[in-house]
Amino acid sequence: MRDFKVIITDDSDRDNLIAEIWYDNKVIAEINSEKSKLEIEFINVNGLLLDLDGFLEAINIAKSKL
């Protein structure tokens, strides 16, 4: 997971904390719990290839912190 970072942050547009998933110094996804379940929103990932295991590990870390 060396290329991934998970940052928990507060967005003034949202009621709850969000988890940002960073890859190669860019935010590629946000996970939020604004509804009754967690949702993921992908950001500027057109054509991006990721290591699946590393990405799943980042998602699980984010999920556990929210």
PDB file of N, CA and C in Angstrom:
ATOM      1  N   MET A   1       0.834  -1.196   0.000  1.00  0.00           N
ATOM      2  CA  MET A   1       0.000   0.000   0.000  1.00  0.00           C
ATOM      3  C   MET A   1       0.872   1.250   0.000  1.00  0.00           C
ATOM      4  N   ARG A   2       2.090   1.156  -0.374  1.00  0.00           N
ATOM      5  CA  ARG A   2       3.006   2.278  -0.266  1.00  0.00           C
ATOM      6  C   ARG A   2       2.599   3.480  -1.112  1.00  0.00           C
ATOM      7  N   ASP A   3       1.883   3.268  -2.209  1.00  0.00           N
ATOM      8  CA  ASP A   3       1.475   4.383  -3.067  1.00  0.00           C
ATOM      9  C   ASP A   3       0.155   5.001  -2.638  1.00  0.00           C
ATOM     10  N   PHE A   4      -0.524   4.390  -1.671  1.00  0.00           N
ATOM     11  CA  PHE A   4      -1.826   4.872  -1.221  1.00  0.00           C
ATOM     12  C   PHE A   4      -1.710   5.536   0.144  1.00  0.00           C
ATOM     13  N   LYS A   5      -2.540   6.554   0.362  1.00  0.00           N
ATOM     14  CA  LYS A   5      -2.684   7.190   1.671  1.00  0.00           C
ATOM     15  C   LYS A   5      -4.167   7.348   1.944  1.00  0.00           C
ATOM     16  N   VAL A   6      -4.547   7.220   3.195  1.00  0.00           N
ATOM     17  CA  VAL A   6      -5.927   7.459   3.614  1.00  0.00           C
ATOM     18  C   VAL A   6      -5.904   8.612   4.604  1.00  0.00           C
ATOM     19  N   ILE A   7      -6.683   9.645   4.315  1.00  0.00           N
ATOM     20  CA  ILE A   7      -6.758  10.817   5.191  1.00  0.00           C
ATOM     21  C   ILE A   7      -8.212  11.032   5.575  1.00  0.00           C
ATOM     22  N   ILE A   8      -8.470  11.076   6.878  1.00  0.00           N
ATOM     23  CA  ILE A   8      -9.805  11.368   7.388  1.00  0.00           C
ATOM     24  C   ILE A   8      -9.897  12.881   7.561  1.00  0.00           C
ATOM     25  N   THR A   9     -10.935  13.462   7.005  1.00  0.00           N
ATOM     26  CA  THR A   9     -11.048  14.919   7.025  1.00  0.00           C
ATOM     27  C   THR A   9     -12.495  15.356   7.204  1.00  0.00           C
ATOM     28  N   ASP A  10     -12.649  16.615   7.515  1.00  0.00           N
ATOM     29  CA  ASP A  10     -13.961  17.221   7.701  1.00  0.00           C
ATOM     30  C   ASP A  10     -14.209  18.162   6.531  1.00  0.00           C
ATOM     31  N   ASP A  11     -15.295  17.942   5.817  1.00  0.00           N
ATOM     32  CA  ASP A  11     -15.671  18.786   4.690  1.00  0.00           C
ATOM     33  C   ASP A  11     -16.870  19.616   5.115  1.00  0.00           C
ATOM     34  N   SER A  12     -16.781  20.923   4.999  1.00  0.00           N
ATOM     35  CA  SER A  12     -17.867  21.796   5.462  1.00  0.00           C
ATOM     36  C   SER A  12     -19.173  21.573   4.705  1.00  0.00           C
ATOM     37  N   ASP A  13     -19.114  20.930   3.549  1.00  0.00           N
ATOM     38  CA  ASP A  13     -20.324  20.646   2.762  1.00  0.00           C
ATOM     39  C   ASP A  13     -21.021  19.360   3.198  1.00  0.00           C
ATOM     40  N   ARG A  14     -20.411  18.637   4.122  1.00  0.00           N
ATOM     41  CA  ARG A  14     -20.965  17.349   4.556  1.00  0.00           C
ATOM     42  C   ARG A  14     -21.179  17.353   6.060  1.00  0.00           C
ATOM     43  N   ASP A  15     -22.129  16.542   6.502  1.00  0.00           N
ATOM     44  CA  ASP A  15     -22.434  16.453   7.929  1.00  0.00           C
ATOM     45  C   ASP A  15     -21.451  15.566   8.681  1.00  0.00           C
ATOM     46  N   ASN A  16     -20.890  14.564   8.008  1.00  0.00           N
ATOM     47  CA  ASN A  16     -20.006  13.592   8.646  1.00  0.00           C
ATOM     48  C   ASN A  16     -18.595  13.686   8.073  1.00  0.00           C
ATOM     49  N   LEU A  17     -17.659  13.063   8.762  1.00  0.00           N
ATOM     50  CA  LEU A  17     -16.292  13.004   8.259  1.00  0.00           C
ATOM     51  C   LEU A  17     -16.237  12.220   6.954  1.00  0.00           C
ATOM     52  N   ILE A  18     -15.210  12.485   6.164  1.00  0.00           N
ATOM     53  CA  ILE A  18     -14.987  11.721   4.936  1.00  0.00           C
ATOM     54  C   ILE A  18     -13.579  11.137   4.976  1.00  0.00           C
ATOM     55  N   ALA A  19     -13.389  10.091   4.213  1.00  0.00           N
ATOM     56  CA  ALA A  19     -12.065   9.500   4.046  1.00  0.00           C
ATOM     57  C   ALA A  19     -11.619   9.754   2.616  1.00  0.00           C
ATOM     58  N   GLU A  20     -10.488  10.402   2.473  1.00  0.00           N
ATOM     59  CA  GLU A  20      -9.916  10.615   1.151  1.00  0.00           C
ATOM     60  C   GLU A  20      -8.896   9.512   0.897  1.00  0.00           C
ATOM     61  N   ILE A  21      -8.941   8.945  -0.286  1.00  0.00           N
ATOM     62  CA  ILE A  21      -7.929   7.966  -0.688  1.00  0.00           C
ATOM     63  C   ILE A  21      -7.039   8.658  -1.711  1.00  0.00           C
ATOM     64  N   TRP A  22      -5.771   8.735  -1.358  1.00  0.00           N
ATOM     65  CA  TRP A  22      -4.773   9.379  -2.206  1.00  0.00           C
ATOM     66  C   TRP A  22      -3.913   8.311  -2.871  1.00  0.00           C
ATOM     67  N   TYR A  23      -3.558   8.567  -4.130  1.00  0.00           N
ATOM     68  CA  TYR A  23      -2.654   7.685  -4.859  1.00  0.00           C
ATOM     69  C   TYR A  23      -1.696   8.565  -5.652  1.00  0.00           C
ATOM     70  N   ASP A  24      -0.434   8.349  -5.472  1.00  0.00           N
ATOM     71  CA  ASP A  24       0.579   9.107  -6.211  1.00  0.00           C
ATOM     72  C   ASP A  24       0.365  10.625  -6.038  1.00  0.00           C
ATOM     73  N   ASN A  25       0.120  11.035  -4.791  1.00  0.00           N
ATOM     74  CA  ASN A  25      -0.061  12.444  -4.409  1.00  0.00           C
ATOM     75  C   ASN A  25      -1.285  13.122  -5.020  1.00  0.00           C
ATOM     76  N   LYS A  26      -2.311  12.341  -5.372  1.00  0.00           N
ATOM     77  CA  LYS A  26      -3.569  12.888  -5.895  1.00  0.00           C
ATOM     78  C   LYS A  26      -4.732  12.183  -5.216  1.00  0.00           C
ATOM     79  N   VAL A  27      -5.780  12.949  -4.907  1.00  0.00           N
ATOM     80  CA  VAL A  27      -6.997  12.333  -4.367  1.00  0.00           C
ATOM     81  C   VAL A  27      -7.688  11.610  -5.513  1.00  0.00           C
ATOM     82  N   ILE A  28      -7.961  10.317  -5.313  1.00  0.00           N
ATOM     83  CA  ILE A  28      -8.633   9.552  -6.367  1.00  0.00           C
ATOM     84  C   ILE A  28     -10.039   9.126  -5.957  1.00  0.00           C
ATOM     85  N   ALA A  29     -10.337   9.185  -4.636  1.00  0.00           N
ATOM     86  CA  ALA A  29     -11.662   8.768  -4.179  1.00  0.00           C
ATOM     87  C   ALA A  29     -11.953   9.368  -2.808  1.00  0.00           C
ATOM     88  N   GLU A  30     -13.245   9.538  -2.551  1.00  0.00           N
ATOM     89  CA  GLU A  30     -13.722   9.945  -1.233  1.00  0.00           C
ATOM     90  C   GLU A  30     -14.779   8.960  -0.784  1.00  0.00           C
ATOM     91  N   ILE A  31     -14.691   8.560   0.467  1.00  0.00           N
ATOM     92  CA  ILE A  31     -15.705   7.682   1.050  1.00  0.00           C
ATOM     93  C   ILE A  31     -16.447   8.491   2.096  1.00  0.00           C
ATOM     94  N   ASN A  32     -17.781   8.466   2.019  1.00  0.00           N
ATOM     95  CA  ASN A  32     -18.582   9.222   2.978  1.00  0.00           C
ATOM     96  C   ASN A  32     -19.709   8.358   3.512  1.00  0.00           C
ATOM     97  N   SER A  33     -20.278   8.823   4.601  1.00  0.00           N
ATOM     98  CA  SER A  33     -21.409   8.111   5.216  1.00  0.00           C
ATOM     99  C   SER A  33     -22.599   9.050   5.365  1.00  0.00           C
ATOM    100  N   GLU A  34     -22.824   9.872   4.363  1.00  0.00           N
ATOM    101  CA  GLU A  34     -23.913  10.846   4.413  1.00  0.00           C
ATOM    102  C   GLU A  34     -25.282  10.162   4.436  1.00  0.00           C
ATOM    103  N   LYS A  35     -25.392   9.039   3.788  1.00  0.00           N
ATOM    104  CA  LYS A  35     -26.645   8.280   3.799  1.00  0.00           C
ATOM    105  C   LYS A  35     -26.505   7.170   4.830  1.00  0.00           C
ATOM    106  N   SER A  36     -27.390   6.224   4.850  1.00  0.00           N
ATOM    107  CA  SER A  36     -27.339   5.164   5.862  1.00  0.00           C
ATOM    108  C   SER A  36     -26.240   4.135   5.596  1.00  0.00           C
ATOM    109  N   LYS A  37     -25.540   4.259   4.479  1.00  0.00           N
ATOM    110  CA  LYS A  37     -24.456   3.327   4.156  1.00  0.00           C
ATOM    111  C   LYS A  37     -23.267   4.114   3.610  1.00  0.00           C
ATOM    112  N   LEU A  38     -22.104   3.491   3.609  1.00  0.00           N
ATOM    113  CA  LEU A  38     -20.920   4.138   3.059  1.00  0.00           C
ATOM    114  C   LEU A  38     -21.002   4.177   1.538  1.00  0.00           C
ATOM    115  N   GLU A  39     -20.554   5.301   0.977  1.00  0.00           N
ATOM    116  CA  GLU A  39     -20.522   5.460  -0.477  1.00  0.00           C
ATOM    117  C   GLU A  39     -19.124   5.915  -0.878  1.00  0.00           C
ATOM    118  N   ILE A  40     -18.711   5.519  -2.083  1.00  0.00           N
ATOM    119  CA  ILE A  40     -17.404   5.940  -2.605  1.00  0.00           C
ATOM    120  C   ILE A  40     -17.632   6.751  -3.868  1.00  0.00           C
ATOM    121  N   GLU A  41     -16.923   7.862  -3.953  1.00  0.00           N
ATOM    122  CA  GLU A  41     -16.981   8.726  -5.136  1.00  0.00           C
ATOM    123  C   GLU A  41     -15.576   8.798  -5.709  1.00  0.00           C
ATOM    124  N   PHE A  42     -15.428   8.438  -6.975  1.00  0.00           N
ATOM    125  CA  PHE A  42     -14.131   8.475  -7.631  1.00  0.00           C
ATOM    126  C   PHE A  42     -13.904   9.853  -8.244  1.00  0.00           C
ATOM    127  N   ILE A  43     -12.660  10.308  -8.179  1.00  0.00           N
ATOM    128  CA  ILE A  43     -12.322  11.661  -8.623  1.00  0.00           C
ATOM    129  C   ILE A  43     -11.178  11.589  -9.618  1.00  0.00           C
ATOM    130  N   ASN A  44     -11.404  12.085 -10.831  1.00  0.00           N
ATOM    131  CA  ASN A  44     -10.352  12.200 -11.845  1.00  0.00           C
ATOM    132  C   ASN A  44      -9.516  10.937 -11.998  1.00  0.00           C
ATOM    133  N   VAL A  45     -10.159   9.829 -12.310  1.00  0.00           N
ATOM    134  CA  VAL A  45      -9.435   8.554 -12.432  1.00  0.00           C
ATOM    135  C   VAL A  45      -9.466   7.998 -13.849  1.00  0.00           C
ATOM    136  N   ASN A  46      -9.751   8.813 -14.800  1.00  0.00           N
ATOM    137  CA  ASN A  46      -9.834   8.364 -16.181  1.00  0.00           C
ATOM    138  C   ASN A  46      -8.538   7.675 -16.616  1.00  0.00           C
ATOM    139  N   GLY A  47      -8.628   6.404 -16.911  1.00  0.00           N
ATOM    140  CA  GLY A  47      -7.490   5.637 -17.387  1.00  0.00           C
ATOM    141  C   GLY A  47      -6.474   5.249 -16.321  1.00  0.00           C
ATOM    142  N   LEU A  48      -6.774   5.507 -15.058  1.00  0.00           N
ATOM    143  CA  LEU A  48      -5.842   5.185 -13.974  1.00  0.00           C
ATOM    144  C   LEU A  48      -5.842   3.683 -13.703  1.00  0.00           C
ATOM    145  N   LEU A  49      -4.662   3.085 -13.656  1.00  0.00           N
ATOM    146  CA  LEU A  49      -4.518   1.676 -13.320  1.00  0.00           C
ATOM    147  C   LEU A  49      -3.956   1.567 -11.911  1.00  0.00           C
ATOM    148  N   LEU A  50      -4.616   0.769 -11.069  1.00  0.00           N
ATOM    149  CA  LEU A  50      -4.221   0.635  -9.673  1.00  0.00           C
ATOM    150  C   LEU A  50      -3.935  -0.818  -9.338  1.00  0.00           C
ATOM    151  N   ASP A  51      -3.064  -1.021  -8.364  1.00  0.00           N
ATOM    152  CA  ASP A  51      -2.873  -2.334  -7.780  1.00  0.00           C
ATOM    153  C   ASP A  51      -4.126  -2.643  -6.962  1.00  0.00           C
ATOM    154  N   LEU A  52      -4.851  -3.675  -7.324  1.00  0.00           N
ATOM    155  CA  LEU A  52      -6.128  -3.984  -6.682  1.00  0.00           C
ATOM    156  C   LEU A  52      -5.966  -4.256  -5.192  1.00  0.00           C
ATOM    157  N   ASP A  53      -4.980  -5.044  -4.806  1.00  0.00           N
ATOM    158  CA  ASP A  53      -4.803  -5.357  -3.385  1.00  0.00           C
ATOM    159  C   ASP A  53      -4.501  -4.099  -2.573  1.00  0.00           C
ATOM    160  N   GLY A  54      -3.663  -3.223  -3.095  1.00  0.00           N
ATOM    161  CA  GLY A  54      -3.352  -1.977  -2.403  1.00  0.00           C
ATOM    162  C   GLY A  54      -4.566  -1.080  -2.276  1.00  0.00           C
ATOM    163  N   PHE A  55      -5.362  -1.005  -3.336  1.00  0.00           N
ATOM    164  CA  PHE A  55      -6.568  -0.174  -3.310  1.00  0.00           C
ATOM    165  C   PHE A  55      -7.589  -0.736  -2.330  1.00  0.00           C
ATOM    166  N   LEU A  56      -7.783  -2.055  -2.341  1.00  0.00           N
ATOM    167  CA  LEU A  56      -8.721  -2.664  -1.393  1.00  0.00           C
ATOM    168  C   LEU A  56      -8.261  -2.461   0.047  1.00  0.00           C
ATOM    169  N   GLU A  57      -6.965  -2.526   0.283  1.00  0.00           N
ATOM    170  CA  GLU A  57      -6.441  -2.273   1.625  1.00  0.00           C
ATOM    171  C   GLU A  57      -6.734  -0.833   2.051  1.00  0.00           C
ATOM    172  N   ALA A  58      -6.551   0.119   1.144  1.00  0.00           N
ATOM    173  CA  ALA A  58      -6.851   1.523   1.441  1.00  0.00           C
ATOM    174  C   ALA A  58      -8.337   1.706   1.743  1.00  0.00           C
ATOM    175  N   ILE A  59      -9.198   1.056   0.970  1.00  0.00           N
ATOM    176  CA  ILE A  59     -10.638   1.143   1.214  1.00  0.00           C
ATOM    177  C   ILE A  59     -10.982   0.574   2.584  1.00  0.00           C
ATOM    178  N   ASN A  60     -10.415  -0.556   2.937  1.00  0.00           N
ATOM    179  CA  ASN A  60     -10.696  -1.166   4.242  1.00  0.00           C
ATOM    180  C   ASN A  60     -10.194  -0.314   5.393  1.00  0.00           C
ATOM    181  N   ILE A  61      -9.061   0.325   5.232  1.00  0.00           N
ATOM    182  CA  ILE A  61      -8.549   1.241   6.264  1.00  0.00           C
ATOM    183  C   ILE A  61      -9.505   2.412   6.424  1.00  0.00           C
ATOM    184  N   ALA A  62      -9.915   2.999   5.303  1.00  0.00           N
ATOM    185  CA  ALA A  62     -10.852   4.119   5.353  1.00  0.00           C
ATOM    186  C   ALA A  62     -12.157   3.718   6.011  1.00  0.00           C
ATOM    187  N   LYS A  63     -12.663   2.570   5.644  1.00  0.00           N
ATOM    188  CA  LYS A  63     -13.923   2.068   6.212  1.00  0.00           C
ATOM    189  C   LYS A  63     -13.811   1.888   7.722  1.00  0.00           C
ATOM    190  N   SER A  64     -12.704   1.352   8.173  1.00  0.00           N
ATOM    191  CA  SER A  64     -12.556   1.117   9.619  1.00  0.00           C
ATOM    192  C   SER A  64     -12.427   2.428  10.400  1.00  0.00           C
ATOM    193  N   LYS A  65     -11.935   3.479   9.765  1.00  0.00           N
ATOM    194  CA  LYS A  65     -11.768   4.761  10.445  1.00  0.00           C
ATOM    195  C   LYS A  65     -13.026   5.605  10.454  1.00  0.00           C
ATOM    196  N   LEU A  66     -13.947   5.301   9.552  1.00  0.00           N
ATOM    197  CA  LEU A  66     -15.222   6.040   9.545  1.00  0.00           C
ATOM    198  C   LEU A  66     -16.171   5.330  10.446  1.00  0.00           C
TER     199      LEU A  66
END
